[in-house]
C-alpha cells in the first residue's frame, strides 16, 4: 500500500511538471507570435504611410548615401560597401545636379566627407587630382579671394567663422558711415577654410584677424581701398538667407532720424 502511494505521488508530480513545461512553452510561443504580428502590423503601417505620402507624387531615380563616406573614399569602395544605394525619391527632393548612374562614380573619390541620408550630387565625387583641394579651387568662378585685417571690434569679437556671410561697413569722407557690401562670403579666416558640402566637423574661428573674402575683382579693389583708410572696415555678421537691400549712409545730419527702435527703419 505504501509503495502504491509513493508511485502515485511521483506520477502526479511528473504530470504537474509536464503541465508547467507545456504551459511555459505555450506562453513562449504565444509571445513570439504576438511579437511577430506587432512587427508585421508596424511594417504594414509604415509602408502604408509612405504610400500615402508619395501618393500622386512622381518618383524619380536617385543615388542615396546609406552610410557616412569619408573624404578620399573611392567610388568603387563606396559602392562595394553598400554606402550608396539606388532609390526612388519624390521628384521635388532630387536636386538638378543629382547623380543617377553608379558608373559615374568609378575612378573618382569623395571630395569631402559625405553624410548619410544625402542625395548624391555632382561634385561630391571628383577626379583624384581635383580632390586634392587647393585654395585656388575653393574660389568660385568669376570671383577672387582677397584678404584684409580687422581688429576684435571690427571682426565681431571673433564670432565670424569660415563660411559665414557678413556685411562690410566703412567710413565716408564726411565722417559718416556706410554699408560697402552685403552678404559677402568669408572664404578663410587665417588658414582655416570654409567647410565643403557634406563636411560634418564643427566650424570654429581659429583666432585670426585675417579675413579672406570671395568677391568679384571690382569689389575686391574697393574692399582693399577701404581697409587702407584711417578707420578701415567693420564687419556685421548676418544670418543665413539674409536679404540684402539699400542702406543709406549715416552722418551727423541723419544720425537721429528713423524710428525709436532699430527695427523700425
Protein backbone atom coordinates (compact mmCIF):
# COMPACT_ATOMS: atom_id res chain seq x y z
CA UNK A 1 0.00 0.00 0.00
CA UNK A 2 2.83 2.34 0.88
CA UNK A 3 4.61 1.53 -2.35
CA UNK A 4 1.47 2.23 -4.38
CA UNK A 5 1.03 5.57 -2.66
CA UNK A 6 4.58 6.66 -3.45
CA UNK A 7 4.30 5.60 -7.05
CA UNK A 8 1.06 7.57 -7.40
CA UNK A 9 2.66 10.65 -5.81
CA UNK A 10 5.64 10.52 -8.19
CA UNK A 11 3.29 10.08 -11.12
CA UNK A 12 1.26 13.12 -10.06
CA UNK A 13 4.41 15.20 -9.60
CA UNK A 14 5.67 14.30 -13.05
CA UNK A 15 2.28 15.19 -14.52
CA UNK A 16 2.35 18.57 -12.81
CA UNK A 17 5.87 19.26 -14.07
CA UNK A 18 4.90 18.33 -17.62
CA UNK A 19 1.87 20.59 -17.34
CA UNK A 20 4.03 23.51 -16.19
CA UNK A 21 6.52 22.91 -19.00
CA UNK A 22 3.70 22.74 -21.52
CA UNK A 23 2.23 25.99 -20.24
CA UNK A 24 5.61 27.73 -20.39
CA UNK A 25 6.14 26.54 -23.94
CA UNK A 26 2.70 27.70 -24.95
CA UNK A 27 3.31 31.10 -23.33
CA UNK A 28 6.64 31.48 -25.16
CA UNK A 29 5.10 30.53 -28.50
CA UNK A 30 2.23 32.97 -27.90
CA UNK A 31 4.67 35.77 -27.03
CA UNK A 32 6.69 35.15 -30.18
CA UNK A 33 3.50 35.11 -32.24
CA UNK A 34 2.31 38.40 -30.73
CA UNK A 35 5.73 39.98 -31.35
CA UNK A 36 5.75 38.82 -34.95
CA UNK A 37 2.25 40.17 -35.52
CA UNK A 38 3.21 43.52 -33.95
CA UNK A 39 6.25 43.78 -36.22
CA UNK A 40 4.12 42.89 -39.23
CA UNK A 41 1.47 45.48 -38.33
CA UNK A 42 4.20 48.13 -37.83
CA UNK A 43 5.71 47.33 -41.23
CA UNK A 44 2.33 47.46 -42.92
CA UNK A 45 1.52 50.78 -41.21
CA UNK A 46 4.85 52.39 -42.16
CA UNK A 47 4.56 51.12 -45.72
CA UNK A 48 1.00 52.42 -45.94
CA UNK A 49 2.04 55.79 -44.50
CA UNK A 50 4.85 56.03 -47.04
CA UNK A 51 2.49 55.08 -49.85
CA UNK A 52 0.04 57.76 -48.71
CA UNK A 53 2.83 60.34 -48.50
CA UNK A 54 4.02 59.51 -52.02
CA UNK A 55 0.54 59.13 -53.49
CA UNK A 56 0.21 61.34 -56.54
CA UNK A 57 3.93 62.20 -56.39
CA UNK A 58 6.21 61.49 -59.30
CA UNK A 59 9.10 59.27 -58.22
CA UNK A 60 12.47 59.54 -59.92
CA UNK A 61 15.70 57.54 -59.55
CA UNK A 62 18.48 58.86 -57.34
CA UNK A 63 21.59 57.65 -55.55
CA UNK A 64 21.21 57.99 -51.77
CA UNK A 65 24.07 57.76 -49.27
CA UNK A 66 23.22 54.99 -46.80
CA UNK A 67 26.30 55.41 -44.60
CA UNK A 68 28.86 58.14 -43.92
CA UNK A 69 31.56 58.23 -46.60
CA UNK A 70 34.98 59.52 -45.56
CA UNK A 71 36.84 62.02 -47.69
CA UNK A 72 39.11 60.25 -50.17
CA UNK A 73 36.97 57.09 -50.38
CA UNK A 74 36.90 55.77 -53.94
CA UNK A 75 33.61 55.39 -55.74
CA UNK A 76 34.27 51.68 -56.18
CA UNK A 77 34.84 51.20 -52.44
CA UNK A 78 31.69 53.14 -51.53
CA UNK A 79 29.63 51.01 -53.92
CA UNK A 80 31.16 47.70 -52.77
CA UNK A 81 30.48 48.55 -49.10
CA UNK A 82 26.86 49.39 -49.89
CA UNK A 83 27.28 53.02 -48.82
CA UNK A 84 25.46 54.23 -51.92
CA UNK A 85 22.07 52.84 -52.92
CA UNK A 86 19.83 53.43 -55.88
CA UNK A 87 16.36 54.52 -54.73
CA UNK A 88 13.22 56.20 -55.99
CA UNK A 89 12.56 59.60 -54.43
CA UNK A 90 9.91 62.28 -54.98
CA UNK A 91 10.96 64.49 -57.85
CA UNK A 92 10.89 67.57 -55.59
CA UNK A 93 13.56 66.02 -53.37
CA UNK A 94 16.06 65.31 -56.16
CA UNK A 95 18.41 68.21 -56.92
CA UNK A 96 19.01 69.16 -60.54
CA UNK A 97 22.66 68.15 -60.17
CA UNK A 98 21.80 64.70 -58.79
CA UNK A 99 23.91 61.73 -59.90
CA UNK A 100 21.77 58.79 -61.01
CA UNK A 101 24.31 56.49 -62.68
CA UNK A 102 26.61 54.47 -60.40
CA UNK A 103 29.14 54.13 -63.20
CA UNK A 104 29.75 57.88 -62.96
CA UNK A 105 31.43 57.27 -59.58
CA UNK A 106 34.01 54.83 -60.82
CA UNK A 107 37.52 56.25 -60.96
CA UNK A 108 36.54 59.10 -58.65
CA UNK A 109 36.99 59.81 -54.93
CA UNK A 110 34.91 61.61 -52.30
CA UNK A 111 35.98 65.27 -52.35
CA UNK A 112 34.80 65.70 -48.73
CA UNK A 113 33.03 63.68 -46.07
CA UNK A 114 29.55 62.79 -47.30
CA UNK A 115 26.92 62.26 -44.60
CA UNK A 116 24.32 59.51 -44.50
CA UNK A 117 20.91 60.36 -45.97
CA UNK A 118 22.12 62.79 -48.63
CA UNK A 119 21.13 62.54 -52.26
CA UNK A 120 24.35 62.26 -54.24
CA UNK A 121 25.04 65.28 -56.43
CA UNK A 122 27.79 66.26 -58.83
CA UNK A 123 30.94 67.43 -57.09
CA UNK A 124 30.67 65.10 -54.09
CA UNK A 125 32.89 62.68 -56.02
CA UNK A 126 35.60 64.06 -58.27
CA UNK A 127 38.76 63.06 -60.09
CA UNK A 128 41.60 62.25 -57.67
CA UNK A 129 43.65 65.24 -58.81
CA UNK A 130 40.76 67.63 -58.21
CA UNK A 131 40.07 66.10 -54.80
CA UNK A 132 43.45 67.40 -53.65
CA UNK A 133 41.81 70.73 -52.90
CA UNK A 134 43.93 73.84 -53.22
CA UNK A 135 42.96 77.30 -52.06
CA UNK A 136 42.51 78.43 -55.66
CA UNK A 137 39.97 75.65 -56.31
CA UNK A 138 37.82 76.98 -53.48
CA UNK A 139 37.34 80.36 -55.14
CA UNK A 140 34.03 80.46 -57.06
CA UNK A 141 34.24 81.10 -60.80
CA UNK A 142 34.22 84.79 -61.63
CA UNK A 143 35.46 85.80 -58.17
CA UNK A 144 38.77 86.33 -56.43
CA UNK A 145 39.99 85.79 -52.88
CA UNK A 146 41.04 88.96 -51.09
CA UNK A 147 42.34 89.26 -47.53
CA UNK A 148 42.04 92.11 -45.08
CA UNK A 149 42.81 92.50 -41.41
CA UNK A 150 40.29 93.57 -38.77
CA UNK A 151 40.62 94.08 -35.05
CA UNK A 152 38.45 92.33 -32.47
CA UNK A 153 35.77 95.01 -32.61
CA UNK A 154 35.68 95.27 -36.39
CA UNK A 155 35.66 91.47 -36.65
CA UNK A 156 32.53 90.99 -34.49
CA UNK A 157 34.58 89.84 -31.46
CA UNK A 158 35.86 86.77 -33.31
CA UNK A 159 32.37 85.30 -33.74
CA UNK A 160 32.62 85.06 -37.52
CA UNK A 161 33.57 81.60 -38.79
CA UNK A 162 34.68 80.43 -42.24
CA UNK A 163 31.65 80.04 -44.49
CA UNK A 164 29.62 82.79 -42.78
CA UNK A 165 28.37 85.87 -44.60
CA UNK A 166 28.97 89.42 -43.43
CA UNK A 167 28.12 92.99 -44.31
CA UNK A 168 31.13 95.27 -44.75
CA UNK A 169 30.88 98.86 -43.48
CA UNK A 170 33.36 101.69 -43.86
CA UNK A 171 33.72 105.40 -43.08
CA UNK A 172 32.65 108.07 -45.57
CA UNK A 173 34.69 111.19 -46.47
CA UNK A 174 32.33 113.42 -44.46
CA UNK A 175 32.94 111.42 -41.29
CA UNK A 176 29.86 109.26 -41.62
CA UNK A 177 29.49 105.53 -42.10
CA UNK A 178 28.00 103.48 -44.90
CA UNK A 179 27.50 99.87 -45.93
CA UNK A 180 30.00 98.99 -48.62
CA UNK A 181 28.79 95.44 -49.44
CA UNK A 182 26.24 92.99 -48.05
CA UNK A 183 26.22 89.18 -47.80
CA UNK A 184 29.93 88.79 -48.51
CA UNK A 185 31.19 85.21 -48.18
CA UNK A 186 34.01 84.55 -45.73
CA UNK A 187 36.22 82.06 -47.57
CA UNK A 188 39.01 81.77 -45.00
CA UNK A 189 39.87 83.03 -41.54
CA UNK A 190 43.60 82.73 -41.16
CA UNK A 191 44.38 79.46 -42.94
CA UNK A 192 41.08 77.80 -41.95
CA UNK A 193 38.81 77.33 -44.94
CA UNK A 194 35.03 77.36 -45.18
CA UNK A 195 33.64 73.80 -44.92
CA UNK A 196 32.92 71.88 -48.10
CA UNK A 197 29.44 70.44 -48.82
CA UNK A 198 28.91 67.29 -46.78
CA UNK A 199 31.52 68.15 -44.15
CA UNK A 200 30.40 67.26 -40.61
CA UNK A 201 33.15 68.67 -38.41
CA UNK A 202 32.43 71.73 -36.29
CA UNK A 203 33.48 75.08 -37.78
CA UNK A 204 35.23 77.50 -35.44
CA UNK A 205 37.10 80.76 -35.66
CA UNK A 206 40.81 79.90 -35.40
CA UNK A 207 41.52 83.15 -33.58
CA UNK A 208 42.99 85.02 -36.54
CA UNK A 209 42.17 88.61 -37.52
CA UNK A 210 42.97 87.88 -41.17
CA UNK A 211 39.70 87.55 -43.10
CA UNK A 212 39.63 86.33 -46.72
CA UNK A 213 36.53 87.14 -48.76
CA UNK A 214 35.35 85.69 -52.08
CA UNK A 215 34.12 88.58 -54.25
CA UNK A 216 34.32 89.83 -57.84
CA UNK A 217 37.53 91.68 -58.72
CA UNK A 218 35.83 95.11 -58.76
CA UNK A 219 34.58 94.57 -55.22
CA UNK A 220 37.99 93.32 -54.09
CA UNK A 221 39.59 96.62 -55.15
CA UNK A 222 37.06 98.63 -53.14
CA UNK A 223 37.48 96.44 -50.05
CA UNK A 224 41.27 96.85 -50.19
CA UNK A 225 40.95 100.62 -50.61
CA UNK A 226 38.50 100.93 -47.70
CA UNK A 227 40.65 98.77 -45.43
CA UNK A 228 43.60 101.08 -46.01
CA UNK A 229 41.69 104.17 -44.89
CA UNK A 230 42.11 105.59 -41.40
CA UNK A 231 39.12 103.79 -39.88
CA UNK A 232 39.41 100.65 -42.00
CA UNK A 233 36.37 98.39 -42.31
CA UNK A 234 33.85 96.99 -39.83
CA UNK A 235 32.01 93.68 -40.27
CA UNK A 236 28.44 92.82 -39.35
CA UNK A 237 27.59 89.11 -39.07
CA UNK A 238 24.31 88.29 -40.84
CA UNK A 239 22.04 85.21 -40.55
CA UNK A 240 21.62 82.60 -43.28
CA UNK A 241 19.26 83.78 -46.01
CA UNK A 242 19.78 87.44 -45.17
CA UNK A 243 18.02 89.71 -47.66
CA UNK A 244 20.26 92.47 -48.99
CA UNK A 245 18.79 95.90 -49.51
CA UNK A 246 19.85 99.52 -49.97
CA UNK A 247 21.03 101.16 -46.77
CA UNK A 248 21.60 104.95 -46.75
CA UNK A 249 24.86 106.30 -45.40
CA UNK A 250 24.78 107.70 -41.87
CA UNK A 251 26.30 111.07 -40.91
CA UNK A 252 25.67 113.89 -38.45
CA UNK A 253 22.67 115.17 -40.39
CA UNK A 254 20.64 111.93 -40.27
CA UNK A 255 22.09 110.03 -37.31
CA UNK A 256 18.94 110.54 -35.21
CA UNK A 257 16.39 110.00 -37.97
CA UNK A 258 14.21 106.91 -38.10
CA UNK A 259 12.02 105.19 -35.53
CA UNK A 260 12.57 104.89 -31.78
CA UNK A 261 13.82 101.28 -32.11
CA UNK A 262 16.39 99.87 -34.55
CA UNK A 263 13.72 97.58 -36.01
CA UNK A 264 11.66 100.44 -37.46
CA UNK A 265 13.85 101.57 -40.33
